[in-house]
Structures are given as C-alpha cells and as structure tokens.
C-alpha cells in the first residue's frame, strides 16, 4: 500500500484533535496494520497539578479509503 496522502492524514488528524484536544498538534506515527489498513498513533504528555507526568496515546485504525474504522485511547 502506498503511504497515505497528506490531505487524508490532515483530515484524520482534524477529527482526532476535535475528539481528543489533549493531543492537538501532535503528528501521528503511521504504521501498516493488517492487509490494507493503516494505524496512526498519537502520543502526548502533560503535567498534572501534583507534578507527575501523564501520557496519553490515541490509536486510530484507518481503512484504504481513509475512513476511520476504530479509535481507542489509553492514559
């Protein structure tokens, strides 16, 4: 599969940023997933009020047509 086009990635990023504003501005790491799907991984870190670091990871599975199939979040 060819690498995803920039417009398609920007569209997916905009949807993820609207759903999870804490990762806004983070560019995803793109990996092959299954046969025709792509996995986009967004990671961010924030500092809590008590000084501890909190990491947040969003995983997005995208089909060959650019539609989001699944999104999951972990902290």
PDB file of N, CA and C in Angstrom:
ATOM      1  N   UNK A   1       0.846  -1.194   0.000  1.00  0.00           N
ATOM      2  CA  UNK A   1       0.000   0.000   0.000  1.00  0.00           C
ATOM      3  C   UNK A   1       0.886   1.249   0.000  1.00  0.00           C
ATOM      4  N   UNK A   2       0.493   2.232  -0.758  1.00  0.00           N
ATOM      5  CA  UNK A   2       1.236   3.481  -0.813  1.00  0.00           C
ATOM      6  C   UNK A   2       1.051   4.256   0.484  1.00  0.00           C
ATOM      7  N   UNK A   3       2.024   5.085   0.831  1.00  0.00           N
ATOM      8  CA  UNK A   3       1.854   5.917   2.030  1.00  0.00           C
ATOM      9  C   UNK A   3       0.625   6.817   1.879  1.00  0.00           C
ATOM     10  N   UNK A   4       0.037   7.125   2.997  1.00  0.00           N
ATOM     11  CA  UNK A   4      -1.175   7.944   2.974  1.00  0.00           C
ATOM     12  C   UNK A   4      -0.854   9.354   2.501  1.00  0.00           C
ATOM     13  N   UNK A   5      -1.771   9.943   1.769  1.00  0.00           N
ATOM     14  CA  UNK A   5      -1.592  11.291   1.276  1.00  0.00           C
ATOM     15  C   UNK A   5      -1.713  12.300   2.413  1.00  0.00           C
ATOM     16  N   UNK A   6      -1.039  13.422   2.259  1.00  0.00           N
ATOM     17  CA  UNK A   6      -1.012  14.453   3.294  1.00  0.00           C
ATOM     18  C   UNK A   6      -2.402  14.990   3.594  1.00  0.00           C
ATOM     19  N   UNK A   7      -3.222  15.204   2.573  1.00  0.00           N
ATOM     20  CA  UNK A   7      -4.586  15.713   2.791  1.00  0.00           C
ATOM     21  C   UNK A   7      -5.398  14.752   3.640  1.00  0.00           C
ATOM     22  N   UNK A   8      -5.268  13.471   3.354  1.00  0.00           N
ATOM     23  CA  UNK A   8      -6.009  12.453   4.098  1.00  0.00           C
ATOM     24  C   UNK A   8      -5.550  12.413   5.552  1.00  0.00           C
ATOM     25  N   UNK A   9      -4.255  12.482   5.771  1.00  0.00           N
ATOM     26  CA  UNK A   9      -3.722  12.481   7.140  1.00  0.00           C
ATOM     27  C   UNK A   9      -4.207  13.719   7.890  1.00  0.00           C
ATOM     28  N   UNK A  10      -4.179  14.879   7.225  1.00  0.00           N
ATOM     29  CA  UNK A  10      -4.642  16.112   7.872  1.00  0.00           C
ATOM     30  C   UNK A  10      -6.114  16.024   8.252  1.00  0.00           C
ATOM     31  N   UNK A  11      -6.926  15.398   7.407  1.00  0.00           N
ATOM     32  CA  UNK A  11      -8.350  15.231   7.690  1.00  0.00           C
ATOM     33  C   UNK A  11      -8.564  14.324   8.907  1.00  0.00           C
ATOM     34  N   UNK A  12      -7.819  13.244   8.961  1.00  0.00           N
ATOM     35  CA  UNK A  12      -7.927  12.319  10.094  1.00  0.00           C
ATOM     36  C   UNK A  12      -7.453  13.008  11.373  1.00  0.00           C
ATOM     37  N   UNK A  13      -6.340  13.750  11.268  1.00  0.00           N
ATOM     38  CA  UNK A  13      -5.814  14.473  12.432  1.00  0.00           C
ATOM     39  C   UNK A  13      -6.839  15.469  12.961  1.00  0.00           C
ATOM     40  N   UNK A  14      -7.517  16.186  12.074  1.00  0.00           N
ATOM     41  CA  UNK A  14      -8.521  17.168  12.495  1.00  0.00           C
ATOM     42  C   UNK A  14      -9.633  16.488  13.293  1.00  0.00           C
ATOM     43  N   UNK A  15     -10.069  15.311  12.838  1.00  0.00           N
ATOM     44  CA  UNK A  15     -11.122  14.577  13.559  1.00  0.00           C
ATOM     45  C   UNK A  15     -10.619  14.136  14.939  1.00  0.00           C
ATOM     46  N   UNK A  16      -9.393  13.633  14.989  1.00  0.00           N
ATOM     47  CA  UNK A  16      -8.825  13.184  16.268  1.00  0.00           C
ATOM     48  C   UNK A  16      -8.653  14.366  17.214  1.00  0.00           C
ATOM     49  N   UNK A  17      -8.176  15.513  16.710  1.00  0.00           N
ATOM     50  CA  UNK A  17      -7.978  16.698  17.545  1.00  0.00           C
ATOM     51  C   UNK A  17      -9.303  17.208  18.109  1.00  0.00           C
ATOM     52  N   UNK A  18     -10.392  17.098  17.330  1.00  0.00           N
ATOM     53  CA  UNK A  18     -11.704  17.514  17.827  1.00  0.00           C
ATOM     54  C   UNK A  18     -12.201  16.587  18.932  1.00  0.00           C
ATOM     55  N   UNK A  19     -11.910  15.303  18.797  1.00  0.00           N
ATOM     56  CA  UNK A  19     -12.364  14.319  19.785  1.00  0.00           C
ATOM     57  C   UNK A  19     -11.468  14.308  21.020  1.00  0.00           C
ATOM     58  N   UNK A  20     -10.160  14.440  20.809  1.00  0.00           N
ATOM     59  CA  UNK A  20      -9.185  14.397  21.894  1.00  0.00           C
ATOM     60  C   UNK A  20      -8.296  15.640  21.819  1.00  0.00           C
ATOM     61  N   UNK A  21      -8.744  16.784  22.342  1.00  0.00           N
ATOM     62  CA  UNK A  21      -7.965  18.022  22.216  1.00  0.00           C
ATOM     63  C   UNK A  21      -6.596  17.971  22.905  1.00  0.00           C
ATOM     64  N   UNK A  22      -6.395  17.056  23.828  1.00  0.00           N
ATOM     65  CA  UNK A  22      -5.115  16.982  24.530  1.00  0.00           C
ATOM     66  C   UNK A  22      -3.968  16.528  23.617  1.00  0.00           C
ATOM     67  N   UNK A  23      -4.269  15.948  22.449  1.00  0.00           N
ATOM     68  CA  UNK A  23      -3.212  15.558  21.516  1.00  0.00           C
ATOM     69  C   UNK A  23      -3.107  16.523  20.334  1.00  0.00           C
ATOM     70  N   UNK A  24      -3.805  17.649  20.414  1.00  0.00           N
ATOM     71  CA  UNK A  24      -3.791  18.613  19.316  1.00  0.00           C
ATOM     72  C   UNK A  24      -2.366  19.082  19.042  1.00  0.00           C
ATOM     73  N   UNK A  25      -1.997  19.064  17.788  1.00  0.00           N
ATOM     74  CA  UNK A  25      -0.662  19.469  17.381  1.00  0.00           C
ATOM     75  C   UNK A  25       0.329  18.327  17.285  1.00  0.00           C
ATOM     76  N   UNK A  26      -0.007  17.170  17.820  1.00  0.00           N
ATOM     77  CA  UNK A  26       0.873  16.001  17.720  1.00  0.00           C
ATOM     78  C   UNK A  26       0.693  15.354  16.355  1.00  0.00           C
ATOM     79  N   UNK A  27       1.779  15.080  15.666  1.00  0.00           N
ATOM     80  CA  UNK A  27       1.703  14.382  14.389  1.00  0.00           C
ATOM     81  C   UNK A  27       1.766  12.886  14.668  1.00  0.00           C
ATOM     82  N   UNK A  28       0.969  12.096  13.967  1.00  0.00           N
ATOM     83  CA  UNK A  28       0.922  10.659  14.244  1.00  0.00           C
ATOM     84  C   UNK A  28       2.086   9.892  13.638  1.00  0.00           C
ATOM     85  N   UNK A  29       2.398   8.780  14.273  1.00  0.00           N
ATOM     86  CA  UNK A  29       3.300   7.797  13.683  1.00  0.00           C
ATOM     87  C   UNK A  29       2.395   6.866  12.874  1.00  0.00           C
ATOM     88  N   UNK A  30       2.774   6.574  11.645  1.00  0.00           N
ATOM     89  CA  UNK A  30       1.932   5.777  10.761  1.00  0.00           C
ATOM     90  C   UNK A  30       2.595   4.428  10.539  1.00  0.00           C
ATOM     91  N   UNK A  31       1.808   3.366  10.748  1.00  0.00           N
ATOM     92  CA  UNK A  31       2.302   2.004  10.572  1.00  0.00           C
ATOM     93  C   UNK A  31       1.294   1.199   9.775  1.00  0.00           C
ATOM     94  N   UNK A  32       1.789   0.191   9.079  1.00  0.00           N
ATOM     95  CA  UNK A  32       0.899  -0.727   8.366  1.00  0.00           C
ATOM     96  C   UNK A  32       0.150  -1.554   9.400  1.00  0.00           C
ATOM     97  N   UNK A  33      -1.102  -1.870   9.090  1.00  0.00           N
ATOM     98  CA  UNK A  33      -1.939  -2.618  10.024  1.00  0.00           C
ATOM     99  C   UNK A  33      -2.819  -3.541   9.199  1.00  0.00           C
ATOM    100  N   UNK A  34      -2.741  -4.822   9.439  1.00  0.00           N
ATOM    101  CA  UNK A  34      -3.476  -5.816   8.661  1.00  0.00           C
ATOM    102  C   UNK A  34      -3.038  -5.712   7.197  1.00  0.00           C
ATOM    103  N   UNK A  35      -3.922  -6.024   6.276  1.00  0.00           N
ATOM    104  CA  UNK A  35      -3.517  -6.051   4.868  1.00  0.00           C
ATOM    105  C   UNK A  35      -3.596  -4.685   4.207  1.00  0.00           C
ATOM    106  N   UNK A  36      -4.716  -4.020   4.333  1.00  0.00           N
ATOM    107  CA  UNK A  36      -4.913  -2.758   3.618  1.00  0.00           C
ATOM    108  C   UNK A  36      -5.148  -1.581   4.551  1.00  0.00           C
ATOM    109  N   UNK A  37      -5.005  -1.792   5.814  1.00  0.00           N
ATOM    110  CA  UNK A  37      -5.291  -0.734   6.782  1.00  0.00           C
ATOM    111  C   UNK A  37      -4.008  -0.087   7.278  1.00  0.00           C
ATOM    112  N   UNK A  38      -4.164   1.110   7.847  1.00  0.00           N
ATOM    113  CA  UNK A  38      -3.062   1.841   8.441  1.00  0.00           C
ATOM    114  C   UNK A  38      -3.393   2.125   9.900  1.00  0.00           C
ATOM    115  N   UNK A  39      -2.374   2.192  10.734  1.00  0.00           N
ATOM    116  CA  UNK A  39      -2.530   2.526  12.144  1.00  0.00           C
ATOM    117  C   UNK A  39      -1.824   3.842  12.391  1.00  0.00           C
ATOM    118  N   UNK A  40      -2.557   4.808  12.917  1.00  0.00           N
ATOM    119  CA  UNK A  40      -1.985   6.100  13.279  1.00  0.00           C
ATOM    120  C   UNK A  40      -1.929   6.170  14.796  1.00  0.00           C
ATOM    121  N   UNK A  41      -0.766   6.509  15.336  1.00  0.00           N
ATOM    122  CA  UNK A  41      -0.590   6.575  16.780  1.00  0.00           C
ATOM    123  C   UNK A  41      -0.222   8.004  17.162  1.00  0.00           C
ATOM    124  N   UNK A  42      -1.073   8.612  17.991  1.00  0.00           N
ATOM    125  CA  UNK A  42      -0.845   9.966  18.503  1.00  0.00           C
ATOM    126  C   UNK A  42      -0.417   9.833  19.962  1.00  0.00           C
ATOM    127  N   UNK A  43       0.655  10.517  20.362  1.00  0.00           N
ATOM    128  CA  UNK A  43       1.108  10.472  21.748  1.00  0.00           C
ATOM    129  C   UNK A  43       1.355  11.876  22.265  1.00  0.00           C
ATOM    130  N   UNK A  44       0.932  12.115  23.500  1.00  0.00           N
ATOM    131  CA  UNK A  44       1.198  13.405  24.141  1.00  0.00           C
ATOM    132  C   UNK A  44       1.493  13.174  25.615  1.00  0.00           C
ATOM    133  N   UNK A  45       2.101  14.172  26.205  1.00  0.00           N
ATOM    134  CA  UNK A  45       2.397  14.142  27.638  1.00  0.00           C
ATOM    135  C   UNK A  45       1.947  15.461  28.238  1.00  0.00           C
ATOM    136  N   UNK A  46       1.452  15.385  29.455  1.00  0.00           N
ATOM    137  CA  UNK A  46       1.023  16.582  30.174  1.00  0.00           C
ATOM    138  C   UNK A  46       1.480  16.446  31.620  1.00  0.00           C
ATOM    139  N   UNK A  47       1.571  17.563  32.294  1.00  0.00           N
ATOM    140  CA  UNK A  47       1.964  17.560  33.698  1.00  0.00           C
ATOM    141  C   UNK A  47       0.735  17.814  34.550  1.00  0.00           C
ATOM    142  N   UNK A  48       0.500  16.938  35.499  1.00  0.00           N
ATOM    143  CA  UNK A  48      -0.635  17.066  36.409  1.00  0.00           C
ATOM    144  C   UNK A  48      -0.326  18.145  37.447  1.00  0.00           C
ATOM    145  N   UNK A  49      -1.336  18.535  38.183  1.00  0.00           N
ATOM    146  CA  UNK A  49      -1.183  19.561  39.207  1.00  0.00           C
ATOM    147  C   UNK A  49      -0.177  19.208  40.278  1.00  0.00           C
ATOM    148  N   UNK A  50      -0.004  17.913  40.537  1.00  0.00           N
ATOM    149  CA  UNK A  50       0.946  17.490  41.570  1.00  0.00           C
ATOM    150  C   UNK A  50       2.353  17.261  41.001  1.00  0.00           C
ATOM    151  N   UNK A  51       2.557  17.590  39.710  1.00  0.00           N
ATOM    152  CA  UNK A  51       3.889  17.487  39.117  1.00  0.00           C
ATOM    153  C   UNK A  51       4.174  16.188  38.381  1.00  0.00           C
ATOM    154  N   UNK A  52       3.278  15.215  38.485  1.00  0.00           N
ATOM    155  CA  UNK A  52       3.502  13.952  37.786  1.00  0.00           C
ATOM    156  C   UNK A  52       3.198  14.112  36.301  1.00  0.00           C
ATOM    157  N   UNK A  53       3.874  13.313  35.488  1.00  0.00           N
ATOM    158  CA  UNK A  53       3.663  13.344  34.044  1.00  0.00           C
ATOM    159  C   UNK A  53       2.611  12.318  33.658  1.00  0.00           C
ATOM    160  N   UNK A  54       1.680  12.742  32.819  1.00  0.00           N
ATOM    161  CA  UNK A  54       0.619  11.865  32.331  1.00  0.00           C
ATOM    162  C   UNK A  54       0.790  11.725  30.826  1.00  0.00           C
ATOM    163  N   UNK A  55       0.897  10.499  30.344  1.00  0.00           N
ATOM    164  CA  UNK A  55       0.990  10.287  28.903  1.00  0.00           C
ATOM    165  C   UNK A  55      -0.367   9.843  28.383  1.00  0.00           C
ATOM    166  N   UNK A  56      -0.665  10.219  27.153  1.00  0.00           N
ATOM    167  CA  UNK A  56      -1.949   9.891  26.546  1.00  0.00           C
ATOM    168  C   UNK A  56      -1.668   9.391  25.132  1.00  0.00           C
ATOM    169  N   UNK A  57      -2.177   8.214  24.802  1.00  0.00           N
ATOM    170  CA  UNK A  57      -1.966   7.609  23.493  1.00  0.00           C
ATOM    171  C   UNK A  57      -3.306   7.355  22.829  1.00  0.00           C
ATOM    172  N   UNK A  58      -3.439   7.794  21.576  1.00  0.00           N
ATOM    173  CA  UNK A  58      -4.638   7.553  20.781  1.00  0.00           C
ATOM    174  C   UNK A  58      -4.219   6.684  19.607  1.00  0.00           C
ATOM    175  N   UNK A  59      -4.904   5.563  19.416  1.00  0.00           N
ATOM    176  CA  UNK A  59      -4.650   4.675  18.282  1.00  0.00           C
ATOM    177  C   UNK A  59      -5.845   4.746  17.342  1.00  0.00           C
ATOM    178  N   UNK A  60      -5.577   4.973  16.062  1.00  0.00           N
ATOM    179  CA  UNK A  60      -6.632   5.116  15.072  1.00  0.00           C
ATOM    180  C   UNK A  60      -6.354   4.147  13.929  1.00  0.00           C
ATOM    181  N   UNK A  61      -7.301   3.243  13.658  1.00  0.00           N
ATOM    182  CA  UNK A  61      -7.193   2.317  12.534  1.00  0.00           C
ATOM    183  C   UNK A  61      -7.989   2.917  11.381  1.00  0.00           C
ATOM    184  N   UNK A  62      -7.330   3.033  10.222  1.00  0.00           N
ATOM    185  CA  UNK A  62      -7.924   3.681   9.064  1.00  0.00           C
ATOM    186  C   UNK A  62      -7.939   2.703   7.897  1.00  0.00           C
ATOM    187  N   UNK A  63      -9.073   2.645   7.185  1.00  0.00           N
ATOM    188  CA  UNK A  63      -9.205   1.790   6.016  1.00  0.00           C
ATOM    189  C   UNK A  63      -8.517   2.392   4.804  1.00  0.00           C
ATOM    190  N   UNK A  64      -8.460   1.645   3.706  1.00  0.00           N
ATOM    191  CA  UNK A  64      -7.780   2.127   2.500  1.00  0.00           C
ATOM    192  C   UNK A  64      -8.452   3.348   1.867  1.00  0.00           C
ATOM    193  N   UNK A  65      -9.723   3.559   2.188  1.00  0.00           N
ATOM    194  CA  UNK A  65     -10.452   4.715   1.658  1.00  0.00           C
ATOM    195  C   UNK A  65     -10.316   5.943   2.557  1.00  0.00           C
ATOM    196  N   UNK A  66      -9.577   5.822   3.667  1.00  0.00           N
ATOM    197  CA  UNK A  66      -9.345   6.943   4.570  1.00  0.00           C
ATOM    198  C   UNK A  66     -10.376   7.096   5.665  1.00  0.00           C
ATOM    199  N   UNK A  67     -11.326   6.179   5.739  1.00  0.00           N
ATOM    200  CA  UNK A  67     -12.338   6.250   6.796  1.00  0.00           C
ATOM    201  C   UNK A  67     -11.811   5.608   8.063  1.00  0.00           C
ATOM    202  N   UNK A  68     -12.147   6.251   9.188  1.00  0.00           N
ATOM    203  CA  UNK A  68     -11.716   5.728  10.492  1.00  0.00           C
ATOM    204  C   UNK A  68     -12.573   4.524  10.833  1.00  0.00           C
ATOM    205  N   UNK A  69     -11.908   3.407  11.106  1.00  0.00           N
ATOM    206  CA  UNK A  69     -12.599   2.170  11.458  1.00  0.00           C
ATOM    207  C   UNK A  69     -12.736   2.044  12.965  1.00  0.00           C
ATOM    208  N   UNK A  70     -11.664   2.431  13.672  1.00  0.00           N
ATOM    209  CA  UNK A  70     -11.673   2.264  15.127  1.00  0.00           C
ATOM    210  C   UNK A  70     -10.727   3.296  15.744  1.00  0.00           C
ATOM    211  N   UNK A  71     -11.133   3.843  16.901  1.00  0.00           N
ATOM    212  CA  UNK A  71     -10.286   4.733  17.688  1.00  0.00           C
ATOM    213  C   UNK A  71     -10.272   4.229  19.113  1.00  0.00           C
ATOM    214  N   UNK A  72      -9.097   4.216  19.718  1.00  0.00           N
ATOM    215  CA  UNK A  72      -9.005   3.841  21.129  1.00  0.00           C
ATOM    216  C   UNK A  72      -8.043   4.783  21.828  1.00  0.00           C
ATOM    217  N   UNK A  73      -8.270   4.945  23.127  1.00  0.00           N
ATOM    218  CA  UNK A  73      -7.495   5.882  23.929  1.00  0.00           C
ATOM    219  C   UNK A  73      -6.968   5.177  25.168  1.00  0.00           C
ATOM    220  N   UNK A  74      -5.746   5.512  25.548  1.00  0.00           N
ATOM    221  CA  UNK A  74      -5.219   4.986  26.800  1.00  0.00           C
ATOM    222  C   UNK A  74      -4.402   6.067  27.480  1.00  0.00           C
ATOM    223  N   UNK A  75      -4.414   6.045  28.797  1.00  0.00           N
ATOM    224  CA  UNK A  75      -3.652   7.021  29.576  1.00  0.00           C
ATOM    225  C   UNK A  75      -2.656   6.285  30.419  1.00  0.00           C
TER     226      UNK A  75
END
